[in-house]
Amino acid sequence: MHRIRDVARVTGLSTYMIDYLCRTQIVSPTHTGSRGRGRGKERLFSFSDLVLLRTYARLLESGVSVKRLKKAHKTWSRQFKTLEDGAPPTRFLLTDGQNVLLRTPEDALIDLSSDGQFVFSFIVDLHQVRDEVIHLIKSA
């Protein structure tokens, strides 16, 4: 379990921003006994919470508004209940500074800031294409 000052140091977010994200229910500490409000109730954060907050810090730095972050969080939470052992369900989140996109293991892109709307059905990995061409040239 991690206290808010440690969370701020690890995530790069201020304690005020972490508090705001908790009050607006964008983030909710998962450690047992840390939920609730009131004087003397310390928020305690798990490793998964740290991963999520660090991710959100990166999105905020990239220009994503708190409003869009909240929308993306709702969609993310509906589709993926929790980050078990801090392992996200996919490797990449993408943003253009407004929208938050999730790259699925099937290489599809889903817009988390638009109720999980399907955006692209495939992604071309240019490094893979280059490697295939090199392999085909060498084997010819």
Protein backbone atom coordinates (compact mmCIF):
# COMPACT_ATOMS: atom_id res chain seq x y z
CA MET A 1 0.00 0.00 0.00
CA HIS A 2 1.21 3.46 -0.88
CA ARG A 3 0.42 6.81 0.72
CA ILE A 4 -0.48 9.85 -1.36
CA ARG A 5 2.94 11.54 -1.05
CA ASP A 6 4.66 8.42 -2.41
CA VAL A 7 2.04 8.19 -5.16
CA ALA A 8 2.73 11.80 -6.15
CA ARG A 9 6.47 11.13 -6.34
CA VAL A 10 6.04 7.99 -8.48
CA THR A 11 3.33 9.31 -10.81
CA GLY A 12 4.51 12.90 -11.25
CA LEU A 13 1.07 14.20 -10.27
CA SER A 14 0.64 16.67 -7.45
CA THR A 15 -1.13 15.53 -4.30
CA TYR A 16 -3.83 18.08 -5.17
CA MET A 17 -4.39 16.50 -8.60
CA ILE A 18 -4.49 13.01 -7.12
CA ASP A 19 -7.00 14.23 -4.54
CA TYR A 20 -9.09 15.83 -7.33
CA LEU A 21 -9.02 12.65 -9.42
CA CYS A 22 -10.21 10.71 -6.37
CA ARG A 23 -12.95 13.19 -5.45
CA THR A 24 -14.30 13.21 -9.00
CA GLN A 25 -14.16 9.40 -9.03
CA ILE A 26 -11.78 9.19 -11.97
CA VAL A 27 -9.53 7.17 -9.69
CA SER A 28 -10.55 5.21 -6.64
CA PRO A 29 -7.88 3.67 -4.41
CA THR A 30 -8.33 -0.09 -4.44
CA HIS A 31 -6.65 -0.89 -1.14
CA THR A 32 -9.16 -2.22 1.39
CA GLY A 33 -10.11 0.33 4.01
CA SER A 34 -9.04 3.32 1.95
CA ARG A 35 -12.42 4.14 0.47
CA GLY A 36 -14.68 6.75 1.93
CA ARG A 37 -14.40 10.36 2.82
CA GLY A 38 -13.78 12.26 5.94
CA ARG A 39 -11.18 13.60 8.21
CA GLY A 40 -8.57 11.06 9.27
CA LYS A 41 -9.30 8.60 6.43
CA GLU A 42 -6.08 8.18 4.55
CA ARG A 43 -6.20 7.03 0.95
CA LEU A 44 -3.99 4.01 0.34
CA PHE A 45 -3.05 3.05 -3.21
CA SER A 46 -2.07 -0.32 -4.68
CA PHE A 47 0.56 -0.97 -7.33
CA SER A 48 -2.24 -1.15 -9.94
CA ASP A 49 -3.43 2.29 -8.83
CA LEU A 50 0.10 3.62 -9.36
CA VAL A 51 0.23 2.21 -12.90
CA LEU A 52 -3.16 3.74 -13.69
CA LEU A 53 -2.25 7.14 -12.20
CA ARG A 54 1.09 7.25 -14.00
CA THR A 55 -0.75 6.44 -17.25
CA TYR A 56 -3.25 9.22 -16.59
CA ALA A 57 -0.40 11.62 -15.79
CA ARG A 58 1.10 10.91 -19.21
CA LEU A 59 -2.26 11.48 -20.91
CA LEU A 60 -2.76 14.77 -19.04
CA GLU A 61 0.77 15.87 -20.05
CA SER A 62 -0.15 15.09 -23.66
CA GLY A 63 -3.04 17.53 -23.54
CA VAL A 64 -5.96 15.24 -22.76
CA SER A 65 -8.49 17.19 -20.68
CA VAL A 66 -9.69 15.89 -17.33
CA LYS A 67 -13.20 15.67 -18.81
CA ARG A 68 -12.01 13.38 -21.62
CA LEU A 69 -9.86 11.45 -19.18
CA LYS A 70 -12.95 10.78 -17.05
CA LYS A 71 -14.87 9.58 -20.12
CA ALA A 72 -11.97 7.32 -21.15
CA HIS A 73 -11.73 5.98 -17.59
CA LYS A 74 -15.42 5.03 -17.58
CA THR A 75 -15.07 3.16 -20.87
CA TRP A 76 -11.81 1.53 -19.72
CA SER A 77 -13.42 0.43 -16.43
CA ARG A 78 -16.42 -1.09 -18.19
CA GLN A 79 -14.25 -3.15 -20.51
CA PHE A 80 -11.45 -4.05 -18.10
CA LYS A 81 -12.46 -4.41 -14.47
CA THR A 82 -9.02 -4.11 -12.92
CA LEU A 83 -5.33 -4.14 -13.67
CA GLU A 84 -4.43 -7.46 -12.11
CA ASP A 85 -0.89 -7.44 -10.77
CA GLY A 86 -0.39 -4.10 -12.51
CA ALA A 87 -0.57 -5.77 -15.93
CA PRO A 88 -2.64 -3.70 -18.34
CA PRO A 89 -4.91 -5.54 -20.81
CA THR A 90 -2.91 -4.17 -23.72
CA ARG A 91 0.42 -2.52 -24.32
CA PHE A 92 -0.50 0.76 -25.98
CA LEU A 93 -2.75 3.73 -25.36
CA LEU A 94 -2.58 6.44 -28.00
CA THR A 95 -3.66 10.05 -27.96
CA ASP A 96 -3.82 13.00 -30.30
CA GLY A 97 -4.06 15.32 -27.31
CA GLN A 98 -7.85 15.06 -27.29
CA ASN A 99 -8.98 11.48 -27.74
CA VAL A 100 -7.67 8.44 -25.92
CA LEU A 101 -7.33 5.33 -28.06
CA LEU A 102 -6.64 1.77 -26.92
CA ARG A 103 -4.77 -0.65 -29.15
CA THR A 104 -6.17 -4.15 -28.63
CA PRO A 105 -4.11 -7.34 -28.91
CA GLU A 106 -5.89 -7.87 -32.26
CA ASP A 107 -4.41 -4.56 -33.51
CA ALA A 108 -7.72 -2.73 -33.51
CA LEU A 109 -8.05 0.79 -32.13
CA ILE A 110 -10.91 1.68 -29.82
CA ASP A 111 -11.71 5.28 -28.90
CA LEU A 112 -12.08 5.23 -25.12
CA SER A 113 -13.21 8.86 -25.09
CA SER A 114 -16.23 8.01 -27.29
CA ASP A 115 -17.87 5.13 -25.40
CA GLY A 116 -15.48 2.58 -26.86
CA GLN A 117 -16.27 3.30 -30.49
CA PHE A 118 -14.31 1.09 -32.88
CA VAL A 119 -11.91 3.29 -34.86
CA PHE A 120 -9.57 1.13 -36.98
CA SER A 121 -9.65 -2.57 -37.70
CA PHE A 122 -5.95 -2.96 -38.40
CA ILE A 123 -2.60 -1.33 -37.90
CA VAL A 124 0.32 -1.76 -40.28
CA ASP A 125 3.59 -2.27 -38.42
CA LEU A 126 6.12 -0.61 -40.72
CA HIS A 127 9.06 -2.25 -38.95
CA GLN A 128 7.52 -5.65 -39.59
CA VAL A 129 6.91 -4.82 -43.27
CA ARG A 130 10.54 -3.64 -43.62
CA ASP A 131 11.81 -6.85 -41.96
CA GLU A 132 9.62 -8.98 -44.27
CA VAL A 133 11.05 -7.20 -47.33
CA ILE A 134 14.62 -7.68 -46.08
CA HIS A 135 13.89 -11.39 -45.44
CA LEU A 136 12.33 -11.85 -48.89
CA ILE A 137 15.27 -10.11 -50.62
CA LYS A 138 17.80 -12.26 -48.77
CA SER A 139 15.95 -15.50 -49.52
CA ALA A 140 15.60 -14.76 -53.25
